[in-house]
C-alpha atoms as a PDB file:
ATOM      1  CA  MET A   1       0.000   0.000   0.000  1.00  0.00           C
ATOM      2  CA  THR A   2       1.244   3.485  -0.885  1.00  0.00           C
ATOM      3  CA  ASP A   3       1.572   5.682   2.188  1.00  0.00           C
ATOM      4  CA  LEU A   4       1.172   9.036   0.417  1.00  0.00           C
ATOM      5  CA  LEU A   5      -0.217   9.677  -3.060  1.00  0.00           C
ATOM      6  CA  LEU A   6       0.896  13.040  -4.459  1.00  0.00           C
ATOM      7  CA  LEU A   7      -1.359  14.844  -6.941  1.00  0.00           C
ATOM      8  CA  PRO A   8       0.661  17.966  -7.874  1.00  0.00           C
ATOM      9  CA  GLY A   9      -2.007  19.246 -10.259  1.00  0.00           C
ATOM     10  CA  ASP A  10      -1.698  22.595 -12.026  1.00  0.00           C
ATOM     11  CA  GLY A  11      -0.050  26.001 -11.758  1.00  0.00           C
ATOM     12  CA  ILE A  12       2.144  26.228  -8.684  1.00  0.00           C
ATOM     13  CA  GLY A  13       0.973  22.802  -7.507  1.00  0.00           C
ATOM     14  CA  PRO A  14       4.026  20.902  -8.795  1.00  0.00           C
ATOM     15  CA  GLU A  15       6.387  23.495  -7.285  1.00  0.00           C
ATOM     16  CA  VAL A  16       4.975  23.369  -3.766  1.00  0.00           C
ATOM     17  CA  THR A  17       4.446  19.615  -3.876  1.00  0.00           C
ATOM     18  CA  ALA A  18       8.120  19.152  -4.740  1.00  0.00           C
ATOM     19  CA  GLN A  19       8.999  20.783  -1.413  1.00  0.00           C
ATOM     20  CA  VAL A  20       6.668  18.372   0.393  1.00  0.00           C
ATOM     21  CA  ARG A  21       8.587  15.517  -1.213  1.00  0.00           C
ATOM     22  CA  ARG A  22      11.863  16.994   0.103  1.00  0.00           C
ATOM     23  CA  VAL A  23      10.482  17.406   3.620  1.00  0.00           C
ATOM     24  CA  ALA A  24       8.985  13.917   3.610  1.00  0.00           C
ATOM     25  CA  GLY A  25      12.312  12.500   2.496  1.00  0.00           C
ATOM     26  CA  LYS A  26      14.010  13.967   5.562  1.00  0.00           C
ATOM     27  CA  ILE A  27      11.434  13.536   8.303  1.00  0.00           C
ATOM     28  CA  THR A  28       9.960  10.206   7.116  1.00  0.00           C
ATOM     29  CA  PRO A  29      12.525   8.489   4.851  1.00  0.00           C
ATOM     30  CA  ASP A  30      10.610   5.204   5.088  1.00  0.00           C
ATOM     31  CA  LEU A  31       7.419   6.747   3.652  1.00  0.00           C
ATOM     32  CA  THR A  32       6.358   5.268   0.299  1.00  0.00           C
ATOM     33  CA  LEU A  33       5.315   7.903  -2.239  1.00  0.00           C
ATOM     34  CA  GLU A  34       3.474   7.719  -5.556  1.00  0.00           C
ATOM     35  CA  GLU A  35       2.655  10.570  -7.934  1.00  0.00           C
ATOM     36  CA  ARG A  36      -0.100  10.856 -10.543  1.00  0.00           C
ATOM     37  CA  PRO A  37      -1.457  13.596 -12.858  1.00  0.00           C
ATOM     38  CA  PHE A  38      -4.558  15.444 -11.701  1.00  0.00           C
ATOM     39  CA  GLY A  39      -6.721  18.377 -12.723  1.00  0.00           C
ATOM     40  CA  GLY A  40      -5.935  20.218 -15.934  1.00  0.00           C
ATOM     41  CA  THR A  41      -2.670  18.341 -16.305  1.00  0.00           C
ATOM     42  CA  SER A  42      -4.579  15.060 -16.250  1.00  0.00           C
ATOM     43  CA  LEU A  43      -7.122  16.444 -18.725  1.00  0.00           C
ATOM     44  CA  ASP A  44      -4.309  17.222 -21.160  1.00  0.00           C
ATOM     45  CA  LEU A  45      -2.584  13.867 -20.693  1.00  0.00           C
ATOM     46  CA  LEU A  46      -5.448  11.467 -20.122  1.00  0.00           C
ATOM     47  CA  GLY A  47      -8.584  13.230 -21.341  1.00  0.00           C
ATOM     48  CA  ALA A  48     -10.155  13.592 -17.871  1.00  0.00           C
ATOM     49  CA  PRO A  49      -9.308  15.719 -14.801  1.00  0.00           C
ATOM     50  CA  LEU A  50      -9.613  12.609 -12.624  1.00  0.00           C
ATOM     51  CA  SER A  51      -8.872   9.262 -14.244  1.00  0.00           C
ATOM     52  CA  ASP A  52     -10.311   6.007 -12.933  1.00  0.00           C
ATOM     53  CA  GLU A  53      -6.766   4.827 -12.208  1.00  0.00           C
ATOM     54  CA  THR A  54      -5.955   7.911 -10.137  1.00  0.00           C
ATOM     55  CA  LEU A  55      -9.151   7.590  -8.113  1.00  0.00           C
ATOM     56  CA  ALA A  56      -8.396   3.920  -7.477  1.00  0.00           C
ATOM     57  CA  ALA A  57      -4.870   4.819  -6.346  1.00  0.00           C
ATOM     58  CA  ALA A  58      -6.269   7.517  -4.035  1.00  0.00           C
ATOM     59  CA  LYS A  59      -8.691   5.092  -2.395  1.00  0.00           C
ATOM     60  CA  ALA A  60      -5.893   2.536  -1.924  1.00  0.00           C
ATOM     61  CA  ALA A  61      -3.375   4.954  -0.338  1.00  0.00           C
ATOM     62  CA  LYS A  62      -3.166   5.872   3.345  1.00  0.00           C
ATOM     63  CA  ALA A  63      -3.266   9.587   2.507  1.00  0.00           C
ATOM     64  CA  VAL A  64      -3.534  11.819  -0.556  1.00  0.00           C
ATOM     65  CA  LEU A  65      -1.871  15.236  -0.882  1.00  0.00           C
ATOM     66  CA  MET A  66      -2.966  17.572  -3.664  1.00  0.00           C
ATOM     67  CA  GLY A  67      -1.137  20.667  -4.912  1.00  0.00           C
ATOM     68  CA  ALA A  68      -3.657  22.856  -6.763  1.00  0.00           C
ATOM     69  CA  VAL A  69      -5.989  22.650  -9.749  1.00  0.00           C
ATOM     70  CA  GLY A  70      -7.255  24.926 -12.483  1.00  0.00           C
ATOM     71  CA  GLY A  71      -6.114  27.838 -14.575  1.00  0.00           C
ATOM     72  CA  PRO A  72      -7.117  29.983 -17.558  1.00  0.00           C
ATOM     73  CA  LYS A  73      -5.891  27.315 -19.983  1.00  0.00           C
ATOM     74  CA  TRP A  74      -8.987  25.217 -19.202  1.00  0.00           C
ATOM     75  CA  LYS A  75     -11.575  27.987 -18.729  1.00  0.00           C
ATOM     76  CA  ASP A  76     -13.520  26.949 -21.838  1.00  0.00           C
ATOM     77  CA  ALA A  77     -13.577  23.232 -21.052  1.00  0.00           C
ATOM     78  CA  PRO A  78     -17.028  21.680 -20.485  1.00  0.00           C
ATOM     79  CA  ARG A  79     -18.075  21.819 -16.830  1.00  0.00           C
ATOM     80  CA  ALA A  80     -17.640  18.071 -16.385  1.00  0.00           C
ATOM     81  CA  LYS A  81     -14.113  18.269 -17.798  1.00  0.00           C
ATOM     82  CA  ARG A  82     -12.850  21.272 -15.849  1.00  0.00           C
ATOM     83  CA  PRO A  83     -10.044  20.684 -13.351  1.00  0.00           C
ATOM     84  CA  GLU A  84     -12.356  21.654 -10.500  1.00  0.00           C
ATOM     85  CA  ALA A  85     -14.708  18.825 -11.490  1.00  0.00           C
ATOM     86  CA  GLY A  86     -11.823  16.455 -10.846  1.00  0.00           C
ATOM     87  CA  LEU A  87     -11.492  17.799  -7.312  1.00  0.00           C
ATOM     88  CA  LEU A  88     -15.203  17.393  -6.601  1.00  0.00           C
ATOM     89  CA  GLY A  89     -15.048  13.881  -8.040  1.00  0.00           C
ATOM     90  CA  LEU A  90     -12.041  13.028  -5.905  1.00  0.00           C
ATOM     91  CA  ARG A  91     -13.747  14.221  -2.717  1.00  0.00           C
ATOM     92  CA  ALA A  92     -16.917  12.310  -3.509  1.00  0.00           C
ATOM     93  CA  GLY A  93     -15.067   9.194  -4.659  1.00  0.00           C
ATOM     94  CA  MET A  94     -12.941   9.086  -1.519  1.00  0.00           C
ATOM     95  CA  GLY A  95     -15.958   9.746   0.687  1.00  0.00           C
ATOM     96  CA  VAL A  96     -14.221  12.545   2.578  1.00  0.00           C
ATOM     97  CA  PHE A  97     -17.097  14.396   4.203  1.00  0.00           C
ATOM     98  CA  ALA A  98     -15.414  16.493   6.923  1.00  0.00           C
ATOM     99  CA  ASN A  99     -13.167  19.341   5.784  1.00  0.00           C
ATOM    100  CA  LEU A 100     -10.850  20.604   8.544  1.00  0.00           C
ATOM    101  CA  ARG A 101      -9.793  24.206   7.928  1.00  0.00           C
ATOM    102  CA  PRO A 102      -7.511  25.573  10.652  1.00  0.00           C
ATOM    103  CA  ALA A 103      -7.203  29.323  11.121  1.00  0.00           C
ATOM    104  CA  ILE A 104      -3.830  29.753  12.802  1.00  0.00           C
ATOM    105  CA  CYS A 105      -1.968  33.025  13.071  1.00  0.00           C
ATOM    106  CA  PHE A 106       1.764  32.524  13.362  1.00  0.00           C
ATOM    107  CA  GLN A 107       3.193  35.221  15.606  1.00  0.00           C
ATOM    108  CA  PRO A 108       5.713  36.570  13.051  1.00  0.00           C
ATOM    109  CA  LEU A 109       2.857  37.102  10.586  1.00  0.00           C
ATOM    110  CA  ALA A 110       0.358  38.814  12.889  1.00  0.00           C
ATOM    111  CA  ASN A 111       1.073  42.221  11.369  1.00  0.00           C
ATOM    112  CA  ALA A 112       0.213  40.849   7.907  1.00  0.00           C
ATOM    113  CA  SER A 113      -3.435  40.467   8.929  1.00  0.00           C
ATOM    114  CA  SER A 114      -5.933  43.102   7.860  1.00  0.00           C
ATOM    115  CA  LEU A 115      -7.176  43.153  11.467  1.00  0.00           C
ATOM    116  CA  LYS A 116      -5.419  44.688  14.439  1.00  0.00           C
ATOM    117  CA  ARG A 117      -2.655  42.538  15.859  1.00  0.00           C
ATOM    118  CA  GLU A 118      -4.383  42.100  19.224  1.00  0.00           C
ATOM    119  CA  LEU A 119      -7.404  40.528  17.495  1.00  0.00           C
ATOM    120  CA  VAL A 120      -5.424  37.836  15.664  1.00  0.00           C
ATOM    121  CA  GLU A 121      -2.200  37.212  17.586  1.00  0.00           C
ATOM    122  CA  GLY A 122      -2.477  33.719  19.029  1.00  0.00           C
ATOM    123  CA  LEU A 123      -5.538  32.908  16.905  1.00  0.00           C
ATOM    124  CA  ASP A 124      -6.154  29.156  16.650  1.00  0.00           C
ATOM    125  CA  PHE A 125      -9.565  27.833  15.727  1.00  0.00           C
ATOM    126  CA  MET A 126     -10.839  25.105  13.432  1.00  0.00           C
ATOM    127  CA  ILE A 127     -13.708  25.192  10.973  1.00  0.00           C
ATOM    128  CA  VAL A 128     -15.194  21.786  10.186  1.00  0.00           C
ATOM    129  CA  ARG A 129     -17.010  22.073   6.866  1.00  0.00           C
ATOM    130  CA  GLU A 130     -19.350  19.388   5.564  1.00  0.00           C
ATOM    131  CA  LEU A 131     -17.845  18.560   2.194  1.00  0.00           C
ATOM    132  CA  THR A 132     -19.911  16.105   0.136  1.00  0.00           C
ATOM    133  CA  GLY A 133     -23.509  17.275   0.573  1.00  0.00           C
ATOM    134  CA  GLY A 134     -25.547  20.432   0.481  1.00  0.00           C
ATOM    135  CA  VAL A 135     -26.111  22.798  -2.409  1.00  0.00           C
ATOM    136  CA  TYR A 136     -22.949  21.809  -4.303  1.00  0.00           C
ATOM    137  CA  PHE A 137     -24.226  18.272  -4.800  1.00  0.00           C
ATOM    138  CA  GLY A 138     -28.018  18.528  -4.436  1.00  0.00           C
ATOM    139  CA  GLN A 139     -30.375  17.654  -7.265  1.00  0.00           C
ATOM    140  CA  PRO A 140     -32.080  18.997  -9.278  1.00  0.00           C
ATOM    141  CA  ARG A 141     -29.716  21.673 -10.557  1.00  0.00           C
ATOM    142  CA  PHE A 142     -30.136  23.338 -13.903  1.00  0.00           C
ATOM    143  CA  ILE A 143     -30.536  26.536 -15.903  1.00  0.00           C
ATOM    144  CA  GLU A 144     -33.624  26.707 -18.105  1.00  0.00           C
ATOM    145  CA  ASP A 145     -35.370  29.113 -20.444  1.00  0.00           C
ATOM    146  CA  MET A 146     -38.640  30.500 -19.135  1.00  0.00           C
ATOM    147  CA  PRO A 147     -41.750  30.567 -21.352  1.00  0.00           C
ATOM    148  CA  GLY A 148     -42.240  34.313 -20.976  1.00  0.00           C
ATOM    149  CA  GLY A 149     -38.609  35.123 -21.602  1.00  0.00           C
ATOM    150  CA  GLY A 150     -35.558  35.181 -19.386  1.00  0.00           C
ATOM    151  CA  ARG A 151     -33.905  32.224 -17.731  1.00  0.00           C
ATOM    152  CA  ARG A 152     -34.081  30.469 -14.366  1.00  0.00           C
ATOM    153  CA  GLY A 153     -31.244  28.839 -12.417  1.00  0.00           C
ATOM    154  CA  VAL A 154     -31.926  26.182  -9.786  1.00  0.00           C
ATOM    155  CA  ASP A 155     -29.618  24.668  -7.167  1.00  0.00           C
ATOM    156  CA  THR A 156     -30.981  22.381  -4.466  1.00  0.00           C
ATOM    157  CA  GLN A 157     -29.814  22.254  -0.851  1.00  0.00           C
ATOM    158  CA  VAL A 158     -30.302  18.806   0.686  1.00  0.00           C
ATOM    159  CA  TYR A 159     -29.102  17.318   3.981  1.00  0.00           C
ATOM    160  CA  THR A 160     -29.987  14.130   5.829  1.00  0.00           C
ATOM    161  CA  THR A 161     -29.718  13.301   9.510  1.00  0.00           C
ATOM    162  CA  ALA A 162     -26.830  10.909   8.845  1.00  0.00           C
ATOM    163  CA  GLU A 163     -24.837  13.504   6.878  1.00  0.00           C
ATOM    164  CA  ILE A 164     -25.213  16.102   9.621  1.00  0.00           C
ATOM    165  CA  GLU A 165     -24.474  13.680  12.469  1.00  0.00           C
ATOM    166  CA  ARG A 166     -21.240  12.353  11.013  1.00  0.00           C
ATOM    167  CA  VAL A 167     -19.678  15.778  10.442  1.00  0.00           C
ATOM    168  CA  ALA A 168     -20.922  17.090  13.805  1.00  0.00           C
ATOM    169  CA  ARG A 169     -19.376  14.071  15.501  1.00  0.00           C
ATOM    170  CA  VAL A 170     -15.991  14.993  13.993  1.00  0.00           C
ATOM    171  CA  ALA A 171     -16.348  18.521  15.377  1.00  0.00           C
ATOM    172  CA  PHE A 172     -17.263  17.345  18.882  1.00  0.00           C
ATOM    173  CA  GLU A 173     -14.376  14.874  18.957  1.00  0.00           C
ATOM    174  CA  LEU A 174     -11.947  17.587  17.845  1.00  0.00           C
ATOM    175  CA  ALA A 175     -13.232  19.981  20.480  1.00  0.00           C
ATOM    176  CA  ARG A 176     -12.586  17.426  23.231  1.00  0.00           C
ATOM    177  CA  GLY A 177      -8.891  17.601  22.342  1.00  0.00           C
ATOM    178  CA  ARG A 178      -8.854  21.393  22.163  1.00  0.00           C
ATOM    179  CA  ARG A 179     -10.802  23.925  24.287  1.00  0.00           C
ATOM    180  CA  ASN A 180     -13.992  21.854  24.429  1.00  0.00           C
ATOM    181  CA  LYS A 181     -16.339  24.243  22.604  1.00  0.00           C
ATOM    182  CA  VAL A 182     -18.305  23.774  19.380  1.00  0.00           C
ATOM    183  CA  SER A 183     -20.108  26.559  17.511  1.00  0.00           C
ATOM    184  CA  SER A 184     -22.669  25.205  15.033  1.00  0.00           C
ATOM    185  CA  ALA A 185     -23.427  27.675  12.229  1.00  0.00           C
ATOM    186  CA  GLU A 186     -26.518  27.504   9.995  1.00  0.00           C
ATOM    187  CA  LYS A 187     -29.525  29.558   8.874  1.00  0.00           C
ATOM    188  CA  SER A 188     -32.294  27.848  10.820  1.00  0.00           C
ATOM    189  CA  ASN A 189     -34.318  31.054  10.756  1.00  0.00           C
ATOM    190  CA  VAL A 190     -34.945  30.912   6.987  1.00  0.00           C
ATOM    191  CA  MET A 191     -33.857  27.468   5.699  1.00  0.00           C
ATOM    192  CA  GLU A 192     -35.431  24.065   6.337  1.00  0.00           C
ATOM    193  CA  THR A 193     -32.011  22.397   6.022  1.00  0.00           C
ATOM    194  CA  GLY A 194     -30.716  24.862   8.601  1.00  0.00           C
ATOM    195  CA  LEU A 195     -33.518  23.980  10.988  1.00  0.00           C
ATOM    196  CA  LEU A 196     -32.813  20.259  10.554  1.00  0.00           C
ATOM    197  CA  TRP A 197     -29.101  20.949  11.058  1.00  0.00           C
ATOM    198  CA  ARG A 198     -29.770  22.671  14.395  1.00  0.00           C
ATOM    199  CA  GLN A 199     -32.106  19.905  15.559  1.00  0.00           C
ATOM    200  CA  VAL A 200     -29.707  17.084  14.647  1.00  0.00           C
ATOM    201  CA  VAL A 201     -26.672  18.751  16.231  1.00  0.00           C
ATOM    202  CA  THR A 202     -28.677  19.490  19.396  1.00  0.00           C
ATOM    203  CA  ASP A 203     -29.863  15.879  19.666  1.00  0.00           C
ATOM    204  CA  LEU A 204     -26.373  14.445  19.070  1.00  0.00           C
ATOM    205  CA  HIS A 205     -24.915  16.779  21.679  1.00  0.00           C
ATOM    206  CA  ALA A 206     -27.465  15.707  24.289  1.00  0.00           C
ATOM    207  CA  ARG A 207     -26.945  11.992  23.584  1.00  0.00           C
ATOM    208  CA  GLU A 208     -23.151  11.760  23.266  1.00  0.00           C
ATOM    209  CA  TYR A 209     -21.340  15.051  23.890  1.00  0.00           C
ATOM    210  CA  ALA A 210     -23.004  16.804  26.813  1.00  0.00           C
ATOM    211  CA  ASP A 211     -19.513  17.423  28.263  1.00  0.00           C
ATOM    212  CA  VAL A 212     -18.676  19.722  25.311  1.00  0.00           C
ATOM    213  CA  GLU A 213     -19.954  23.293  25.303  1.00  0.00           C
ATOM    214  CA  LEU A 214     -22.283  23.853  22.339  1.00  0.00           C
ATOM    215  CA  GLU A 215     -23.540  27.134  20.944  1.00  0.00           C
ATOM    216  CA  HIS A 216     -25.734  27.699  17.900  1.00  0.00           C
ATOM    217  CA  ILE A 217     -24.994  30.707  15.725  1.00  0.00           C
ATOM    218  CA  LEU A 218     -26.591  31.964  12.527  1.00  0.00           C
ATOM    219  CA  ALA A 219     -24.102  31.843   9.670  1.00  0.00           C
ATOM    220  CA  ASP A 220     -24.341  35.548   8.867  1.00  0.00           C
ATOM    221  CA  ASN A 221     -23.677  36.413  12.503  1.00  0.00           C
ATOM    222  CA  ALA A 222     -20.781  33.937  12.450  1.00  0.00           C
ATOM    223  CA  ALA A 223     -19.247  35.917   9.591  1.00  0.00           C
ATOM    224  CA  MET A 224     -19.526  39.119  11.599  1.00  0.00           C
ATOM    225  CA  GLN A 225     -18.139  37.550  14.768  1.00  0.00           C
ATOM    226  CA  ILE A 226     -15.161  36.037  12.893  1.00  0.00           C
ATOM    227  CA  VAL A 227     -14.150  39.558  11.938  1.00  0.00           C
ATOM    228  CA  LYS A 228     -15.129  41.168  15.246  1.00  0.00           C
ATOM    229  CA  ASN A 229     -13.719  38.677  17.757  1.00  0.00           C
ATOM    230  CA  PRO A 230     -12.272  35.559  16.109  1.00  0.00           C
ATOM    231  CA  LYS A 231     -10.557  34.230  19.229  1.00  0.00           C
ATOM    232  CA  GLN A 232     -13.945  33.463  20.820  1.00  0.00           C
ATOM    233  CA  PHE A 233     -14.183  30.354  18.596  1.00  0.00           C
ATOM    234  CA  ASP A 234     -12.625  26.940  19.142  1.00  0.00           C
ATOM    235  CA  VAL A 235     -14.312  24.559  16.664  1.00  0.00           C
ATOM    236  CA  MET A 236     -17.006  25.721  14.250  1.00  0.00           C
ATOM    237  CA  VAL A 237     -19.076  23.160  12.324  1.00  0.00           C
ATOM    238  CA  THR A 238     -21.173  24.181   9.344  1.00  0.00           C
ATOM    239  CA  ASP A 239     -22.507  23.068   5.985  1.00  0.00           C
ATOM    240  CA  ASN A 240     -20.766  22.963   2.608  1.00  0.00           C
ATOM    241  CA  LEU A 241     -21.729  26.404   1.302  1.00  0.00           C
ATOM    242  CA  PHE A 242     -21.345  28.372   4.528  1.00  0.00           C
ATOM    243  CA  GLY A 243     -18.172  26.450   5.335  1.00  0.00           C
ATOM    244  CA  ASP A 244     -16.664  27.416   2.000  1.00  0.00           C
ATOM    245  CA  ILE A 245     -17.286  31.102   2.700  1.00  0.00           C
ATOM    246  CA  LEU A 246     -16.569  31.263   6.435  1.00  0.00           C
ATOM    247  CA  SER A 247     -13.346  29.257   6.239  1.00  0.00           C
ATOM    248  CA  ASP A 248     -11.882  31.597   3.612  1.00  0.00           C
ATOM    249  CA  ALA A 249     -12.804  34.607   5.723  1.00  0.00           C
ATOM    250  CA  ALA A 250     -11.180  33.017   8.781  1.00  0.00           C
ATOM    251  CA  ALA A 251      -8.065  32.081   6.847  1.00  0.00           C
ATOM    252  CA  GLN A 252      -7.569  35.641   5.602  1.00  0.00           C
ATOM    253  CA  LEU A 253      -7.485  36.878   9.194  1.00  0.00           C
ATOM    254  CA  THR A 254      -4.153  35.096   9.565  1.00  0.00           C
ATOM    255  CA  GLY A 255      -2.491  37.220   6.903  1.00  0.00           C
ATOM    256  CA  SER A 256      -2.892  35.134   3.779  1.00  0.00           C
ATOM    257  CA  LEU A 257      -4.879  32.311   2.226  1.00  0.00           C
ATOM    258  CA  GLY A 258      -1.550  31.100   0.891  1.00  0.00           C
ATOM    259  CA  MET A 259      -0.216  30.033   4.276  1.00  0.00           C
ATOM    260  CA  LEU A 260      -2.774  27.534   5.516  1.00  0.00           C
ATOM    261  CA  PRO A 261      -3.433  23.828   4.981  1.00  0.00           C
ATOM    262  CA  SER A 262      -6.572  21.723   5.049  1.00  0.00           C
ATOM    263  CA  ALA A 263      -7.645  18.141   5.595  1.00  0.00           C
ATOM    264  CA  ALA A 264     -10.673  16.237   4.359  1.00  0.00           C
ATOM    265  CA  LEU A 265     -11.535  13.138   6.369  1.00  0.00           C
ATOM    266  CA  GLY A 266     -13.947  10.271   5.842  1.00  0.00           C
ATOM    267  CA  ALA A 267     -14.912   7.249   7.892  1.00  0.00           C
ATOM    268  CA  PRO A 268     -12.268   5.857  10.277  1.00  0.00           C
ATOM    269  CA  GLY A 269      -9.726   3.741   8.445  1.00  0.00           C
ATOM    270  CA  THR A 270     -10.218   5.440   5.078  1.00  0.00           C
ATOM    271  CA  PRO A 271      -7.576   7.703   3.465  1.00  0.00           C
ATOM    272  CA  GLY A 272      -7.681  11.438   4.072  1.00  0.00           C
ATOM    273  CA  LEU A 273      -7.262  14.127   1.422  1.00  0.00           C
ATOM    274  CA  TYR A 274      -4.889  17.002   2.229  1.00  0.00           C
ATOM    275  CA  GLU A 275      -4.356  20.216   0.304  1.00  0.00           C
ATOM    276  CA  PRO A 276      -3.211  23.819   0.714  1.00  0.00           C
ATOM    277  CA  ILE A 277      -6.170  26.155   0.550  1.00  0.00           C
ATOM    278  CA  HIS A 278      -4.586  28.464  -2.001  1.00  0.00           C
ATOM    279  CA  GLY A 279      -5.313  28.192  -5.702  1.00  0.00           C
ATOM    280  CA  SER A 280      -3.082  27.345  -8.628  1.00  0.00           C
ATOM    281  CA  ALA A 281      -1.816  30.963  -8.900  1.00  0.00           C
ATOM    282  CA  PRO A 282      -1.121  30.816 -12.666  1.00  0.00           C
ATOM    283  CA  ASP A 283       0.306  34.347 -12.602  1.00  0.00           C
ATOM    284  CA  ILE A 284       3.365  33.166 -10.654  1.00  0.00           C
ATOM    285  CA  ALA A 285       3.520  29.541 -11.794  1.00  0.00           C
ATOM    286  CA  GLY A 286       6.957  28.554 -13.022  1.00  0.00           C
ATOM    287  CA  LYS A 287       8.682  31.544 -11.440  1.00  0.00           C
ATOM    288  CA  GLY A 288       9.922  29.645  -8.389  1.00  0.00           C
ATOM    289  CA  ILE A 289       8.449  32.127  -5.893  1.00  0.00           C
ATOM    290  CA  ALA A 290       5.359  30.252  -4.673  1.00  0.00           C
ATOM    291  CA  ASN A 291       5.293  29.818  -0.902  1.00  0.00           C
ATOM    292  CA  PRO A 292       5.228  26.062  -0.134  1.00  0.00           C
ATOM    293  CA  LEU A 293       4.387  26.355   3.569  1.00  0.00           C
ATOM    294  CA  ALA A 294       0.667  25.607   3.114  1.00  0.00           C
ATOM    295  CA  ALA A 295       1.548  22.419   1.237  1.00  0.00           C
ATOM    296  CA  ILE A 296       4.130  21.481   3.871  1.00  0.00           C
ATOM    297  CA  LEU A 297       1.591  22.084   6.647  1.00  0.00           C
ATOM    298  CA  SER A 298      -0.919  19.955   4.721  1.00  0.00           C
ATOM    299  CA  PHE A 299       1.647  17.174   4.944  1.00  0.00           C
ATOM    300  CA  GLU A 300       1.864  17.898   8.681  1.00  0.00           C
ATOM    301  CA  MET A 301      -1.883  17.304   8.915  1.00  0.00           C
ATOM    302  CA  ALA A 302      -1.516  14.065   6.932  1.00  0.00           C
ATOM    303  CA  LEU A 303       1.102  12.848   9.405  1.00  0.00           C
ATOM    304  CA  ARG A 304      -1.291  13.643  12.245  1.00  0.00           C
ATOM    305  CA  TRP A 305      -4.613  12.366  10.912  1.00  0.00           C
ATOM    306  CA  SER A 306      -3.836   9.584   8.413  1.00  0.00           C
ATOM    307  CA  LEU A 307      -0.270   8.344   8.872  1.00  0.00           C
ATOM    308  CA  ASP A 308      -0.375   7.893  12.662  1.00  0.00           C
ATOM    309  CA  ARG A 309       2.712  10.032  13.262  1.00  0.00           C
ATOM    310  CA  ALA A 310       1.502  12.824  15.521  1.00  0.00           C
ATOM    311  CA  ASP A 311       5.009  13.056  16.992  1.00  0.00           C
ATOM    312  CA  LEU A 312       6.484  13.932  13.603  1.00  0.00           C
ATOM    313  CA  ALA A 313       3.577  16.285  12.905  1.00  0.00           C
ATOM    314  CA  ASP A 314       4.449  18.210  16.064  1.00  0.00           C
ATOM    315  CA  GLU A 315       8.100  18.286  15.002  1.00  0.00           C
ATOM    316  CA  LEU A 316       7.265  19.590  11.538  1.00  0.00           C
ATOM    317  CA  PHE A 317       4.859  22.253  12.822  1.00  0.00           C
ATOM    318  CA  ALA A 318       7.525  23.497  15.216  1.00  0.00           C
ATOM    319  CA  ALA A 319      10.079  23.570  12.391  1.00  0.00           C
ATOM    320  CA  VAL A 320       7.804  25.743  10.246  1.00  0.00           C
ATOM    321  CA  ASN A 321       7.243  28.108  13.166  1.00  0.00           C
ATOM    322  CA  ARG A 322      10.985  28.402  13.815  1.00  0.00           C
ATOM    323  CA  ALA A 323      11.646  29.038  10.131  1.00  0.00           C
ATOM    324  CA  LEU A 324       9.137  31.887  10.198  1.00  0.00           C
ATOM    325  CA  GLU A 325      10.647  33.345  13.356  1.00  0.00           C
ATOM    326  CA  LYS A 326      14.073  33.331  11.724  1.00  0.00           C
ATOM    327  CA  GLY A 327      12.949  35.355   8.758  1.00  0.00           C
ATOM    328  CA  ALA A 328      11.068  33.190   6.266  1.00  0.00           C
ATOM    329  CA  ARG A 329       8.211  35.668   6.512  1.00  0.00           C
ATOM    330  CA  THR A 330       6.425  35.744   3.176  1.00  0.00           C
ATOM    331  CA  PRO A 331       2.723  36.059   3.985  1.00  0.00           C
ATOM    332  CA  ASP A 332       1.639  35.877   0.351  1.00  0.00           C
ATOM    333  CA  LEU A 333       2.109  33.137  -2.218  1.00  0.00           C
ATOM    334  CA  GLY A 334       4.997  35.043  -3.737  1.00  0.00           C
ATOM    335  CA  GLY A 335       7.650  36.830  -1.749  1.00  0.00           C
ATOM    336  CA  ALA A 336      11.301  37.608  -1.276  1.00  0.00           C
ATOM    337  CA  MET A 337      12.325  33.992  -0.799  1.00  0.00           C
ATOM    338  CA  THR A 338      12.175  31.468  -3.609  1.00  0.00           C
ATOM    339  CA  THR A 339      10.154  28.288  -3.278  1.00  0.00           C
ATOM    340  CA  VAL A 340      13.294  26.230  -2.794  1.00  0.00           C
ATOM    341  CA  GLN A 341      14.731  28.655  -0.232  1.00  0.00           C
ATOM    342  CA  MET A 342      11.528  28.409   1.786  1.00  0.00           C
ATOM    343  CA  GLY A 343      11.809  24.644   1.663  1.00  0.00           C
ATOM    344  CA  ASP A 344      15.453  24.923   2.695  1.00  0.00           C
ATOM    345  CA  ALA A 345      14.442  27.079   5.689  1.00  0.00           C
ATOM    346  CA  VAL A 346      12.093  24.373   6.964  1.00  0.00           C
ATOM    347  CA  LEU A 347      14.555  21.552   6.268  1.00  0.00           C
ATOM    348  CA  ALA A 348      17.214  23.419   8.232  1.00  0.00           C
ATOM    349  CA  GLU A 349      14.962  23.334  11.312  1.00  0.00           C
ATOM    350  CA  LEU A 350      14.226  19.588  11.142  1.00  0.00           C
END
């Protein structure tokens, strides 16, 4: 069995993934690695953004680490052939339903945040986003011509008890190992799926997690509170659409979307999917200036959640922090240090 399947993807993906390979070679020399094309690169080579062989390899590995997908080269491809369709297919095919999006502000980067330093320094909270249900996957979805003229677009939001329970359970379990608080965000005041979400989370809490503090918060208020007082949160659980929006807002508080990792987890014993939350950044692809720290920290999450090496995850996280403290302070995807130099800075601390 392959320990780690690498899917470098498009744009800066291959550049940052190469630094993960270097770090893995030093901290876990016994780790078995495999690499396959994905996204637009796979579309060009194999005719599909996610081949059957790549999906099979992903499901057979212990963990999967993706670089990035997409770019203007494939903007006119049919929706089903776009690189992003490969990512959705990979998530669904692997059954990874809980997306862990940490919002961590490294002390040397606190001044890079758009908020005042005192609001973000020491920030550390986790958004758990439901990843395989909701409006992104609900049916029916279509655009149609209307008889009287004009057009109508329809997307359907659907959630079941089982889908809500399994992602909420991940959030409660995480909170028990952190500060023991879960904030459940939805729109129960105007959405039937939001009302069901609140009911299911409340029932699960009463049955299995009464020791964890639970608060319910409307998603629009959650957005305001993330900007107003982000350190009040420990673990926030929410649906696919709100999670997509709120996690990006939380990540930007830390100084840059380009610095943070993510994990997508499924049922116990199944492989996790790990990826930096930045995009493919085609404007700087090939220039050797992409910051690889989000990809490296995604590998740190893989060590922790899928490869059963929490000790090495702690070591790698500390190495990244020391590298930042010593001057590797590029809060954006591009910066003064080259991609390789940033990798060198982390390797020097291991």
